Amino acid sequence: MEINELRNEIDKVDDQLVKLFVERMNLSAQIADYKKENKLPIYVPSREREKLQNVAKQAGEEMDNYTRVLYSMIFELSRSYQNKRNILSTPLHDTIVDSIENTPKLFPQNPMVACQGVEGAYAQIACEKMFKSPFIMYFKNFEGIFNAIDKGLCQYGILPIENSTAGSVKKVYDLMIHHNFSIVRTFRLKIDHNLLANPGTSFPM
């Protein structure tokens, strides 16, 4: 088949996927209503783990990991949608909503930003993805970032809060308890590690 023909076939599949995704989210909304009425938790880890195993098995060995990534994202979107439907109005919620509505939509492009590490670190990469021309101050540890914000040295700080391999970054969460701040933006960064060695180096067994 020619490339345009293949793209047409993909478009047909995408049309079906969008319809099925909307149908799934509508069902998710009904589940959210049921959970709210019966005071059930939104997040059920055992259900998601079981579902991931099933869909990965259906996809086959070659598509196993891709399917897990896809459905992990779908689960995250579903939880977000359910939480949005079931959210209760509280002073904190009202403050957040008011801040969102009254904050200028243009995100600053060249602010002073605190990053942990050195030039070339993942924090710098994330920073430059979020800001066009940031002025970056580097700190040895996460606590230095919080202190820089507290003292007004920087307008923003870049902090890792989740890792797809190790989970939550506990040190950051511990510091979050002791500092007054607001999360104003989040960013997902794909991490690639490379093993470097001199020519002729044998791989340890």
N, C-alpha and C. Protein backbone atom coordinates (compact mmCIF):
# COMPACT_ATOMS: atom_id res chain seq x y z
N MET A 1 0.84 -1.20 0.00
CA MET A 1 0.00 0.00 0.00
C MET A 1 0.88 1.25 0.00
N GLU A 2 0.38 2.30 -0.64
CA GLU A 2 1.08 3.58 -0.65
C GLU A 2 0.90 4.28 0.70
N ILE A 3 1.79 5.25 0.98
CA ILE A 3 1.77 5.93 2.27
C ILE A 3 0.43 6.62 2.54
N ASN A 4 -0.16 7.24 1.52
CA ASN A 4 -1.43 7.93 1.72
C ASN A 4 -2.55 6.95 2.03
N GLU A 5 -2.48 5.78 1.41
CA GLU A 5 -3.48 4.75 1.69
C GLU A 5 -3.36 4.27 3.13
N LEU A 6 -2.12 4.08 3.58
CA LEU A 6 -1.90 3.65 4.96
C LEU A 6 -2.39 4.70 5.95
N ARG A 7 -2.13 5.98 5.62
CA ARG A 7 -2.59 7.06 6.50
C ARG A 7 -4.11 7.12 6.55
N ASN A 8 -4.74 6.86 5.43
CA ASN A 8 -6.20 6.82 5.41
C ASN A 8 -6.74 5.72 6.32
N GLU A 9 -6.04 4.58 6.31
CA GLU A 9 -6.46 3.48 7.18
C GLU A 9 -6.27 3.85 8.65
N ILE A 10 -5.17 4.55 8.95
CA ILE A 10 -4.95 5.01 10.32
C ILE A 10 -6.03 6.00 10.74
N ASP A 11 -6.41 6.89 9.82
CA ASP A 11 -7.46 7.86 10.12
C ASP A 11 -8.77 7.14 10.47
N LYS A 12 -9.06 6.07 9.77
CA LYS A 12 -10.29 5.30 10.05
C LYS A 12 -10.23 4.68 11.44
N VAL A 13 -9.06 4.13 11.77
CA VAL A 13 -8.89 3.54 13.09
C VAL A 13 -9.00 4.61 14.17
N ASP A 14 -8.37 5.78 13.92
CA ASP A 14 -8.43 6.87 14.89
C ASP A 14 -9.86 7.34 15.12
N ASP A 15 -10.66 7.38 14.06
CA ASP A 15 -12.07 7.76 14.20
C ASP A 15 -12.78 6.82 15.17
N GLN A 16 -12.48 5.55 15.04
CA GLN A 16 -13.09 4.56 15.93
C GLN A 16 -12.57 4.72 17.36
N LEU A 17 -11.26 4.97 17.48
CA LEU A 17 -10.66 5.12 18.81
C LEU A 17 -11.26 6.31 19.56
N VAL A 18 -11.45 7.42 18.86
CA VAL A 18 -12.02 8.61 19.50
C VAL A 18 -13.43 8.32 20.01
N LYS A 19 -14.24 7.68 19.19
CA LYS A 19 -15.61 7.35 19.59
C LYS A 19 -15.61 6.42 20.79
N LEU A 20 -14.73 5.42 20.77
CA LEU A 20 -14.66 4.48 21.88
C LEU A 20 -14.11 5.13 23.14
N PHE A 21 -13.16 6.05 22.97
CA PHE A 21 -12.61 6.76 24.13
C PHE A 21 -13.70 7.61 24.80
N VAL A 22 -14.49 8.33 24.00
CA VAL A 22 -15.57 9.14 24.54
C VAL A 22 -16.59 8.25 25.24
N GLU A 23 -16.90 7.11 24.63
CA GLU A 23 -17.83 6.16 25.23
C GLU A 23 -17.30 5.66 26.57
N ARG A 24 -15.98 5.37 26.61
CA ARG A 24 -15.37 4.89 27.85
C ARG A 24 -15.41 5.96 28.94
N MET A 25 -15.13 7.20 28.58
CA MET A 25 -15.16 8.28 29.56
C MET A 25 -16.58 8.55 30.07
N ASN A 26 -17.57 8.38 29.21
CA ASN A 26 -18.96 8.52 29.65
C ASN A 26 -19.32 7.44 30.67
N LEU A 27 -18.84 6.23 30.43
CA LEU A 27 -19.05 5.15 31.39
C LEU A 27 -18.31 5.44 32.69
N SER A 28 -17.12 6.01 32.55
CA SER A 28 -16.34 6.38 33.72
C SER A 28 -17.08 7.42 34.56
N ALA A 29 -17.78 8.33 33.88
CA ALA A 29 -18.56 9.34 34.59
C ALA A 29 -19.69 8.68 35.39
N GLN A 30 -20.31 7.67 34.80
CA GLN A 30 -21.38 6.96 35.51
C GLN A 30 -20.83 6.24 36.74
N ILE A 31 -19.63 5.69 36.58
CA ILE A 31 -18.99 5.03 37.72
C ILE A 31 -18.67 6.05 38.81
N ALA A 32 -18.22 7.24 38.39
CA ALA A 32 -17.91 8.30 39.36
C ALA A 32 -19.16 8.67 40.16
N ASP A 33 -20.30 8.77 39.47
CA ASP A 33 -21.55 9.10 40.15
C ASP A 33 -21.92 8.02 41.16
N TYR A 34 -21.72 6.77 40.76
CA TYR A 34 -22.02 5.65 41.65
C TYR A 34 -21.11 5.69 42.88
N LYS A 35 -19.82 5.95 42.65
CA LYS A 35 -18.87 6.00 43.76
C LYS A 35 -19.21 7.13 44.73
N LYS A 36 -19.61 8.27 44.18
CA LYS A 36 -19.97 9.41 45.02
C LYS A 36 -21.19 9.09 45.87
N GLU A 37 -22.18 8.47 45.24
CA GLU A 37 -23.41 8.13 45.95
C GLU A 37 -23.17 7.11 47.05
N ASN A 38 -22.22 6.18 46.79
CA ASN A 38 -21.96 5.10 47.75
C ASN A 38 -20.69 5.32 48.58
N LYS A 39 -20.13 6.54 48.48
CA LYS A 39 -18.94 6.92 49.26
C LYS A 39 -17.79 5.93 49.05
N LEU A 40 -17.52 5.63 47.79
CA LEU A 40 -16.43 4.73 47.43
C LEU A 40 -15.24 5.53 46.91
N PRO A 41 -14.01 5.05 47.07
CA PRO A 41 -12.83 5.78 46.60
C PRO A 41 -12.74 5.78 45.08
N ILE A 42 -12.19 6.85 44.54
CA ILE A 42 -11.99 6.94 43.10
C ILE A 42 -10.91 5.95 42.65
N TYR A 43 -9.81 5.95 43.36
CA TYR A 43 -8.65 5.13 42.96
C TYR A 43 -8.72 3.76 43.61
N VAL A 44 -8.74 2.72 42.77
CA VAL A 44 -8.74 1.33 43.25
C VAL A 44 -7.54 0.62 42.60
N PRO A 45 -6.39 0.62 43.26
CA PRO A 45 -5.15 0.08 42.67
C PRO A 45 -5.28 -1.35 42.18
N SER A 46 -5.95 -2.20 42.96
CA SER A 46 -6.06 -3.61 42.58
C SER A 46 -6.80 -3.78 41.26
N ARG A 47 -7.83 -2.98 41.05
CA ARG A 47 -8.60 -3.03 39.81
C ARG A 47 -7.73 -2.62 38.62
N GLU A 48 -6.93 -1.56 38.79
CA GLU A 48 -6.08 -1.09 37.69
C GLU A 48 -4.98 -2.10 37.37
N ARG A 49 -4.38 -2.70 38.41
CA ARG A 49 -3.34 -3.70 38.17
C ARG A 49 -3.90 -4.90 37.41
N GLU A 50 -5.06 -5.35 37.82
CA GLU A 50 -5.70 -6.48 37.15
C GLU A 50 -6.02 -6.15 35.69
N LYS A 51 -6.52 -4.95 35.48
CA LYS A 51 -6.87 -4.52 34.12
C LYS A 51 -5.63 -4.42 33.23
N LEU A 52 -4.54 -3.88 33.79
CA LEU A 52 -3.30 -3.77 33.03
C LEU A 52 -2.78 -5.13 32.60
N GLN A 53 -2.85 -6.09 33.51
CA GLN A 53 -2.40 -7.44 33.19
C GLN A 53 -3.23 -8.03 32.06
N ASN A 54 -4.54 -7.81 32.12
CA ASN A 54 -5.43 -8.39 31.11
C ASN A 54 -5.22 -7.79 29.73
N VAL A 55 -5.14 -6.46 29.66
CA VAL A 55 -4.99 -5.82 28.34
C VAL A 55 -3.61 -6.11 27.75
N ALA A 56 -2.59 -6.19 28.60
CA ALA A 56 -1.24 -6.50 28.11
C ALA A 56 -1.21 -7.92 27.54
N LYS A 57 -1.89 -8.82 28.20
CA LYS A 57 -1.95 -10.20 27.73
C LYS A 57 -2.68 -10.29 26.40
N GLN A 58 -3.77 -9.53 26.27
CA GLN A 58 -4.52 -9.52 25.01
C GLN A 58 -3.69 -8.95 23.87
N ALA A 59 -2.85 -7.96 24.17
CA ALA A 59 -2.07 -7.28 23.13
C ALA A 59 -0.95 -8.15 22.58
N GLY A 60 -0.50 -9.11 23.36
CA GLY A 60 0.59 -9.96 22.89
C GLY A 60 1.95 -9.44 23.33
N GLU A 61 2.97 -10.28 23.21
CA GLU A 61 4.29 -9.96 23.74
C GLU A 61 4.89 -8.70 23.12
N GLU A 62 4.76 -8.50 21.81
CA GLU A 62 5.39 -7.36 21.16
C GLU A 62 4.77 -6.03 21.58
N MET A 63 3.46 -6.04 21.82
CA MET A 63 2.76 -4.81 22.17
C MET A 63 2.50 -4.68 23.67
N ASP A 64 3.04 -5.59 24.45
CA ASP A 64 2.80 -5.63 25.90
C ASP A 64 3.08 -4.28 26.56
N ASN A 65 4.33 -3.80 26.45
CA ASN A 65 4.71 -2.55 27.14
C ASN A 65 3.97 -1.33 26.60
N TYR A 66 3.78 -1.29 25.28
CA TYR A 66 3.06 -0.15 24.68
C TYR A 66 1.63 -0.09 25.22
N THR A 67 1.02 -1.26 25.35
CA THR A 67 -0.36 -1.32 25.84
C THR A 67 -0.44 -0.87 27.30
N ARG A 68 0.56 -1.27 28.09
CA ARG A 68 0.57 -0.86 29.50
C ARG A 68 0.69 0.66 29.62
N VAL A 69 1.55 1.26 28.80
CA VAL A 69 1.72 2.72 28.83
C VAL A 69 0.42 3.41 28.42
N LEU A 70 -0.19 2.92 27.35
CA LEU A 70 -1.44 3.51 26.86
C LEU A 70 -2.53 3.46 27.93
N TYR A 71 -2.71 2.28 28.53
CA TYR A 71 -3.79 2.14 29.51
C TYR A 71 -3.48 2.84 30.83
N SER A 72 -2.22 2.95 31.18
CA SER A 72 -1.87 3.73 32.37
C SER A 72 -2.32 5.17 32.19
N MET A 73 -2.10 5.71 30.99
CA MET A 73 -2.54 7.07 30.69
C MET A 73 -4.07 7.17 30.69
N ILE A 74 -4.74 6.18 30.12
CA ILE A 74 -6.20 6.17 30.10
C ILE A 74 -6.74 6.14 31.52
N PHE A 75 -6.14 5.31 32.39
CA PHE A 75 -6.58 5.24 33.78
C PHE A 75 -6.40 6.58 34.47
N GLU A 76 -5.27 7.24 34.19
CA GLU A 76 -4.99 8.54 34.80
C GLU A 76 -6.03 9.57 34.36
N LEU A 77 -6.37 9.57 33.08
CA LEU A 77 -7.39 10.49 32.57
C LEU A 77 -8.75 10.19 33.18
N SER A 78 -9.04 8.91 33.32
CA SER A 78 -10.32 8.50 33.90
C SER A 78 -10.43 8.94 35.36
N ARG A 79 -9.36 8.75 36.12
CA ARG A 79 -9.36 9.18 37.52
C ARG A 79 -9.53 10.70 37.62
N SER A 80 -8.82 11.42 36.74
CA SER A 80 -8.91 12.87 36.74
C SER A 80 -10.34 13.32 36.47
N TYR A 81 -10.98 12.69 35.49
CA TYR A 81 -12.36 13.03 35.14
C TYR A 81 -13.30 12.72 36.28
N GLN A 82 -13.11 11.57 36.92
CA GLN A 82 -13.97 11.19 38.05
C GLN A 82 -13.77 12.13 39.22
N ASN A 83 -12.52 12.49 39.50
CA ASN A 83 -12.25 13.43 40.60
C ASN A 83 -12.89 14.79 40.34
N LYS A 84 -12.84 15.22 39.07
CA LYS A 84 -13.42 16.51 38.71
C LYS A 84 -14.93 16.51 38.94
N ARG A 85 -15.58 15.40 38.63
CA ARG A 85 -17.03 15.30 38.80
C ARG A 85 -17.42 15.22 40.29
N ASN A 86 -16.55 14.59 41.07
CA ASN A 86 -16.92 14.31 42.46
C ASN A 86 -16.33 15.29 43.47
N ILE A 87 -15.64 16.31 42.99
CA ILE A 87 -14.96 17.22 43.89
C ILE A 87 -15.96 17.99 44.74
N LEU A 88 -15.61 18.13 46.03
CA LEU A 88 -16.44 18.88 46.96
C LEU A 88 -15.87 20.28 47.13
N SER A 89 -16.74 21.24 47.22
CA SER A 89 -16.29 22.63 47.38
C SER A 89 -15.76 22.83 48.80
N THR A 90 -14.49 23.23 48.89
CA THR A 90 -13.85 23.53 50.17
C THR A 90 -13.15 24.88 50.03
N PRO A 91 -12.75 25.49 51.14
CA PRO A 91 -12.01 26.76 51.04
C PRO A 91 -10.77 26.64 50.16
N LEU A 92 -10.04 25.52 50.29
CA LEU A 92 -8.85 25.33 49.46
C LEU A 92 -9.23 25.21 47.99
N HIS A 93 -10.26 24.44 47.70
CA HIS A 93 -10.72 24.29 46.32
C HIS A 93 -11.14 25.63 45.74
N ASP A 94 -11.89 26.41 46.53
CA ASP A 94 -12.35 27.72 46.05
C ASP A 94 -11.17 28.67 45.80
N THR A 95 -10.13 28.58 46.65
CA THR A 95 -8.94 29.41 46.47
C THR A 95 -8.22 29.06 45.18
N ILE A 96 -8.10 27.75 44.93
CA ILE A 96 -7.43 27.29 43.71
C ILE A 96 -8.19 27.72 42.47
N VAL A 97 -9.50 27.53 42.49
CA VAL A 97 -10.33 27.92 41.34
C VAL A 97 -10.24 29.41 41.10
N ASP A 98 -10.30 30.20 42.18
CA ASP A 98 -10.20 31.66 42.05
C ASP A 98 -8.85 32.08 41.48
N SER A 99 -7.78 31.41 41.92
CA SER A 99 -6.44 31.72 41.42
C SER A 99 -6.32 31.42 39.94
N ILE A 100 -6.88 30.28 39.52
CA ILE A 100 -6.83 29.90 38.11
C ILE A 100 -7.57 30.91 37.25
N GLU A 101 -8.74 31.32 37.73
CA GLU A 101 -9.58 32.22 36.94
C GLU A 101 -9.00 33.63 36.86
N ASN A 102 -8.24 34.04 37.89
CA ASN A 102 -7.77 35.41 37.95
C ASN A 102 -6.27 35.57 37.68
N THR A 103 -5.63 34.50 37.28
CA THR A 103 -4.21 34.56 36.94
C THR A 103 -4.07 34.79 35.44
N PRO A 104 -3.24 35.73 35.02
CA PRO A 104 -3.04 35.94 33.58
C PRO A 104 -2.67 34.65 32.87
N LYS A 105 -3.24 34.44 31.70
CA LYS A 105 -3.03 33.19 30.98
C LYS A 105 -1.63 33.08 30.38
N LEU A 106 -0.95 34.21 30.20
CA LEU A 106 0.39 34.17 29.62
C LEU A 106 1.40 33.79 30.69
N PHE A 107 2.02 32.62 30.52
CA PHE A 107 3.03 32.17 31.48
C PHE A 107 4.31 32.94 31.21
N PRO A 108 5.01 33.43 32.27
CA PRO A 108 6.24 34.22 32.05
C PRO A 108 7.28 33.45 31.27
N GLN A 109 7.99 34.13 30.39
CA GLN A 109 8.93 33.48 29.50
C GLN A 109 10.38 33.55 29.95
N ASN A 110 10.73 34.53 30.77
CA ASN A 110 12.14 34.67 31.19
C ASN A 110 12.27 34.99 32.67
N PRO A 111 11.68 34.17 33.55
CA PRO A 111 11.77 34.43 34.99
C PRO A 111 13.07 33.86 35.58
N MET A 112 13.31 34.15 36.84
CA MET A 112 14.40 33.55 37.58
C MET A 112 13.89 32.22 38.14
N VAL A 113 14.59 31.14 37.82
CA VAL A 113 14.12 29.79 38.19
C VAL A 113 15.21 29.04 38.95
N ALA A 114 14.81 28.38 40.03
CA ALA A 114 15.74 27.56 40.81
C ALA A 114 15.68 26.11 40.34
N CYS A 115 16.85 25.52 40.10
CA CYS A 115 16.94 24.12 39.67
C CYS A 115 17.96 23.39 40.53
N GLN A 116 17.71 22.12 40.78
CA GLN A 116 18.65 21.29 41.53
C GLN A 116 19.63 20.64 40.57
N GLY A 117 20.92 20.64 40.94
CA GLY A 117 21.92 20.00 40.10
C GLY A 117 22.84 21.00 39.43
N VAL A 118 23.27 20.66 38.23
CA VAL A 118 24.19 21.51 37.47
C VAL A 118 23.65 21.68 36.05
N GLU A 119 24.33 22.49 35.27
CA GLU A 119 23.92 22.69 33.88
C GLU A 119 23.91 21.35 33.15
N GLY A 120 22.83 21.09 32.43
CA GLY A 120 22.68 19.82 31.73
C GLY A 120 21.86 18.81 32.49
N ALA A 121 21.50 19.13 33.74
CA ALA A 121 20.69 18.21 34.54
C ALA A 121 19.26 18.17 34.00
N TYR A 122 18.52 17.16 34.42
CA TYR A 122 17.15 17.01 33.94
C TYR A 122 16.29 18.20 34.34
N ALA A 123 16.58 18.80 35.51
CA ALA A 123 15.81 19.97 35.94
C ALA A 123 15.96 21.12 34.94
N GLN A 124 17.18 21.29 34.42
CA GLN A 124 17.40 22.35 33.44
C GLN A 124 16.62 22.06 32.15
N ILE A 125 16.62 20.80 31.74
CA ILE A 125 15.89 20.42 30.52
C ILE A 125 14.41 20.73 30.68
N ALA A 126 13.85 20.34 31.83
CA ALA A 126 12.43 20.61 32.09
C ALA A 126 12.17 22.11 32.13
N CYS A 127 13.08 22.84 32.77
CA CYS A 127 12.93 24.30 32.89
C CYS A 127 12.86 24.95 31.52
N GLU A 128 13.75 24.56 30.62
CA GLU A 128 13.80 25.18 29.31
C GLU A 128 12.66 24.72 28.40
N LYS A 129 11.98 23.65 28.79
CA LYS A 129 10.79 23.24 28.07
C LYS A 129 9.59 24.10 28.47
N MET A 130 9.59 24.55 29.73
CA MET A 130 8.46 25.32 30.26
C MET A 130 8.59 26.82 30.04
N PHE A 131 9.84 27.30 30.03
CA PHE A 131 10.08 28.73 29.86
C PHE A 131 10.92 28.98 28.61
N LYS A 132 10.67 30.07 27.95
CA LYS A 132 11.39 30.36 26.71
C LYS A 132 12.84 30.73 26.96
N SER A 133 13.09 31.66 27.87
CA SER A 133 14.46 32.11 28.15
C SER A 133 14.64 32.32 29.66
N PRO A 134 14.66 31.26 30.42
CA PRO A 134 14.75 31.41 31.88
C PRO A 134 16.16 31.78 32.35
N PHE A 135 16.22 32.49 33.48
CA PHE A 135 17.49 32.71 34.17
C PHE A 135 17.55 31.66 35.28
N ILE A 136 18.52 30.76 35.19
CA ILE A 136 18.54 29.60 36.09
C ILE A 136 19.60 29.75 37.18
N MET A 137 19.17 29.49 38.41
CA MET A 137 20.09 29.40 39.54
C MET A 137 20.14 27.94 39.98
N TYR A 138 21.34 27.39 40.11
CA TYR A 138 21.49 25.97 40.46
C TYR A 138 21.77 25.80 41.95
N PHE A 139 21.15 24.78 42.54
CA PHE A 139 21.33 24.48 43.95
C PHE A 139 21.70 23.00 44.12
N LYS A 140 22.43 22.75 45.21
CA LYS A 140 22.94 21.39 45.43
C LYS A 140 21.84 20.40 45.79
N ASN A 141 20.80 20.87 46.44
CA ASN A 141 19.76 19.96 46.89
C ASN A 141 18.38 20.60 46.74
N PHE A 142 17.34 19.80 46.99
CA PHE A 142 15.96 20.27 46.83
C PHE A 142 15.62 21.35 47.87
N GLU A 143 16.18 21.23 49.07
CA GLU A 143 15.90 22.21 50.10
C GLU A 143 16.35 23.61 49.69
N GLY A 144 17.46 23.67 48.94
CA GLY A 144 17.95 24.95 48.46
C GLY A 144 16.94 25.63 47.54
N ILE A 145 16.21 24.84 46.77
CA ILE A 145 15.19 25.40 45.87
C ILE A 145 14.06 26.04 46.68
N PHE A 146 13.58 25.31 47.69
CA PHE A 146 12.51 25.85 48.53
C PHE A 146 12.96 27.13 49.24
N ASN A 147 14.18 27.11 49.74
CA ASN A 147 14.70 28.30 50.44
C ASN A 147 14.82 29.49 49.50
N ALA A 148 15.22 29.23 48.25
CA ALA A 148 15.35 30.31 47.28
C ALA A 148 14.00 30.95 46.99
N ILE A 149 12.97 30.13 46.94
CA ILE A 149 11.62 30.66 46.71
C ILE A 149 11.15 31.43 47.94
N ASP A 150 11.38 30.85 49.13
CA ASP A 150 10.95 31.50 50.37
C ASP A 150 11.58 32.89 50.53
N LYS A 151 12.86 33.01 50.16
CA LYS A 151 13.60 34.25 50.36
C LYS A 151 13.43 35.24 49.20
N GLY A 152 12.69 34.82 48.15
CA GLY A 152 12.46 35.71 47.03
C GLY A 152 13.61 35.80 46.05
N LEU A 153 14.56 34.86 46.13
CA LEU A 153 15.68 34.86 45.19
C LEU A 153 15.23 34.44 43.80
N CYS A 154 14.24 33.56 43.74
CA CYS A 154 13.72 33.06 42.46
C CYS A 154 12.21 33.11 42.48
N GLN A 155 11.64 33.30 41.30
CA GLN A 155 10.19 33.31 41.18
C GLN A 155 9.62 31.89 41.15
N TYR A 156 10.39 30.98 40.56
CA TYR A 156 9.90 29.61 40.36
C TYR A 156 11.00 28.61 40.72
N GLY A 157 10.58 27.38 40.99
CA GLY A 157 11.52 26.30 41.24
C GLY A 157 11.07 25.04 40.51
N ILE A 158 12.01 24.29 39.97
CA ILE A 158 11.71 23.05 39.27
C ILE A 158 12.00 21.87 40.20
N LEU A 159 10.98 21.04 40.45
CA LEU A 159 11.14 19.92 41.37
C LEU A 159 10.53 18.65 40.80
N PRO A 160 11.21 17.52 40.93
CA PRO A 160 10.63 16.24 40.50
C PRO A 160 9.73 15.70 41.61
N ILE A 161 8.53 15.29 41.27
CA ILE A 161 7.62 14.76 42.30
C ILE A 161 7.24 13.31 42.05
N GLU A 162 7.36 12.85 40.80
CA GLU A 162 7.02 11.47 40.48
C GLU A 162 8.04 10.88 39.52
N ASN A 163 8.30 9.60 39.70
CA ASN A 163 9.22 8.87 38.83
C ASN A 163 8.53 7.58 38.43
N SER A 164 8.44 7.32 37.13
CA SER A 164 7.70 6.15 36.66
C SER A 164 8.33 4.84 37.11
N THR A 165 9.61 4.88 37.52
CA THR A 165 10.29 3.67 37.98
C THR A 165 10.23 3.53 39.50
N ALA A 166 10.56 4.60 40.21
CA ALA A 166 10.66 4.54 41.67
C ALA A 166 9.46 5.12 42.40
N GLY A 167 8.54 5.75 41.69
CA GLY A 167 7.36 6.34 42.33
C GLY A 167 7.61 7.76 42.82
N SER A 168 6.98 8.12 43.92
CA SER A 168 7.06 9.48 44.46
C SER A 168 8.48 9.79 44.94
N VAL A 169 8.89 11.04 44.74
CA VAL A 169 10.19 11.50 45.26
C VAL A 169 9.93 11.97 46.69
N LYS A 170 10.17 11.10 47.65
CA LYS A 170 9.76 11.32 49.04
C LYS A 170 10.42 12.55 49.66
N LYS A 171 11.70 12.80 49.33
CA LYS A 171 12.39 13.96 49.89
C LYS A 171 11.67 15.25 49.54
N VAL A 172 11.20 15.35 48.30
CA VAL A 172 10.48 16.56 47.87
C VAL A 172 9.15 16.67 48.61
N TYR A 173 8.42 15.56 48.74
CA TYR A 173 7.14 15.59 49.44
C TYR A 173 7.33 15.99 50.91
N ASP A 174 8.40 15.51 51.53
CA ASP A 174 8.68 15.89 52.92
C ASP A 174 8.90 17.39 53.04
N LEU A 175 9.64 17.97 52.09
CA LEU A 175 9.90 19.40 52.12
C LEU A 175 8.64 20.22 51.82
N MET A 176 7.77 19.68 50.99
CA MET A 176 6.54 20.39 50.65
C MET A 176 5.68 20.65 51.88
N ILE A 177 5.78 19.76 52.88
CA ILE A 177 4.97 19.91 54.09
C ILE A 177 5.40 21.15 54.88
N HIS A 178 6.68 21.49 54.81
CA HIS A 178 7.23 22.54 55.66
C HIS A 178 7.36 23.90 54.97
N HIS A 179 6.91 24.01 53.74
CA HIS A 179 7.06 25.27 53.02
C HIS A 179 5.73 25.71 52.43
N ASN A 180 5.53 27.02 52.37
CA ASN A 180 4.31 27.59 51.81
C ASN A 180 4.56 27.95 50.35
N PHE A 181 3.92 27.26 49.45
CA PHE A 181 4.14 27.49 48.02
C PHE A 181 2.92 27.00 47.25
N SER A 182 2.92 27.25 45.95
CA SER A 182 1.84 26.79 45.07
C SER A 182 2.43 26.12 43.84
N ILE A 183 1.82 25.01 43.44
CA ILE A 183 2.20 24.36 42.19
C ILE A 183 1.44 25.05 41.06
N VAL A 184 2.16 25.65 40.13
CA VAL A 184 1.52 26.43 39.09
C VAL A 184 1.57 25.76 37.72
N ARG A 185 2.41 24.74 37.59
CA ARG A 185 2.48 24.06 36.30
C ARG A 185 3.19 22.72 36.47
N THR A 186 2.80 21.73 35.70
CA THR A 186 3.47 20.43 35.72
C THR A 186 3.96 20.08 34.32
N PHE A 187 4.97 19.23 34.27
CA PHE A 187 5.56 18.88 32.98
C PHE A 187 6.08 17.44 33.05
N ARG A 188 5.81 16.67 32.02
CA ARG A 188 6.32 15.30 31.93
C ARG A 188 7.60 15.31 31.09
N LEU A 189 8.63 14.68 31.60
CA LEU A 189 9.91 14.64 30.90
C LEU A 189 10.36 13.20 30.74
N LYS A 190 10.59 12.80 29.50
CA LYS A 190 11.08 11.45 29.24
C LYS A 190 12.57 11.39 29.54
N ILE A 191 12.98 10.44 30.36
CA ILE A 191 14.37 10.31 30.77
C ILE A 191 15.02 9.15 30.02
N ASP A 192 16.17 9.41 29.43
CA ASP A 192 16.96 8.36 28.77
C ASP A 192 18.35 8.32 29.41
N HIS A 193 18.76 7.14 29.84
CA HIS A 193 20.09 6.97 30.41
C HIS A 193 20.98 6.23 29.41
N ASN A 194 22.23 6.63 29.34
CA ASN A 194 23.18 5.99 28.43
C ASN A 194 24.41 5.55 29.21
N LEU A 195 24.86 4.33 28.95
CA LEU A 195 26.06 3.81 29.60
C LEU A 195 27.26 4.08 28.70
N LEU A 196 28.24 4.82 29.23
CA LEU A 196 29.43 5.17 28.47
C LEU A 196 30.63 4.37 28.98
N ALA A 197 31.49 3.98 28.08
CA ALA A 197 32.69 3.23 28.48
C ALA A 197 33.78 3.44 27.44
N ASN A 198 35.04 3.26 27.84
CA ASN A 198 36.16 3.36 26.92
C ASN A 198 36.17 2.18 25.96
N PRO A 199 36.70 2.36 24.77
CA PRO A 199 36.80 1.25 23.80
C PRO A 199 37.55 0.08 24.43
N GLY A 200 37.02 -1.13 24.22
CA GLY A 200 37.68 -2.33 24.72
C GLY A 200 37.26 -2.73 26.12
N THR A 201 36.44 -1.89 26.78
CA THR A 201 35.99 -2.21 28.12
C THR A 201 35.04 -3.41 28.11
N SER A 202 35.29 -4.37 28.96
CA SER A 202 34.43 -5.56 29.00
C SER A 202 33.26 -5.30 29.94
N PHE A 203 32.12 -5.85 29.59
CA PHE A 203 30.92 -5.66 30.40
C PHE A 203 30.97 -6.60 31.60
N PRO A 204 30.80 -6.11 32.83
CA PRO A 204 30.88 -6.97 34.02
C PRO A 204 29.77 -8.01 34.03
N MET A 205 30.12 -9.19 34.38
CA MET A 205 29.16 -10.31 34.42
C MET A 205 28.59 -10.44 35.84
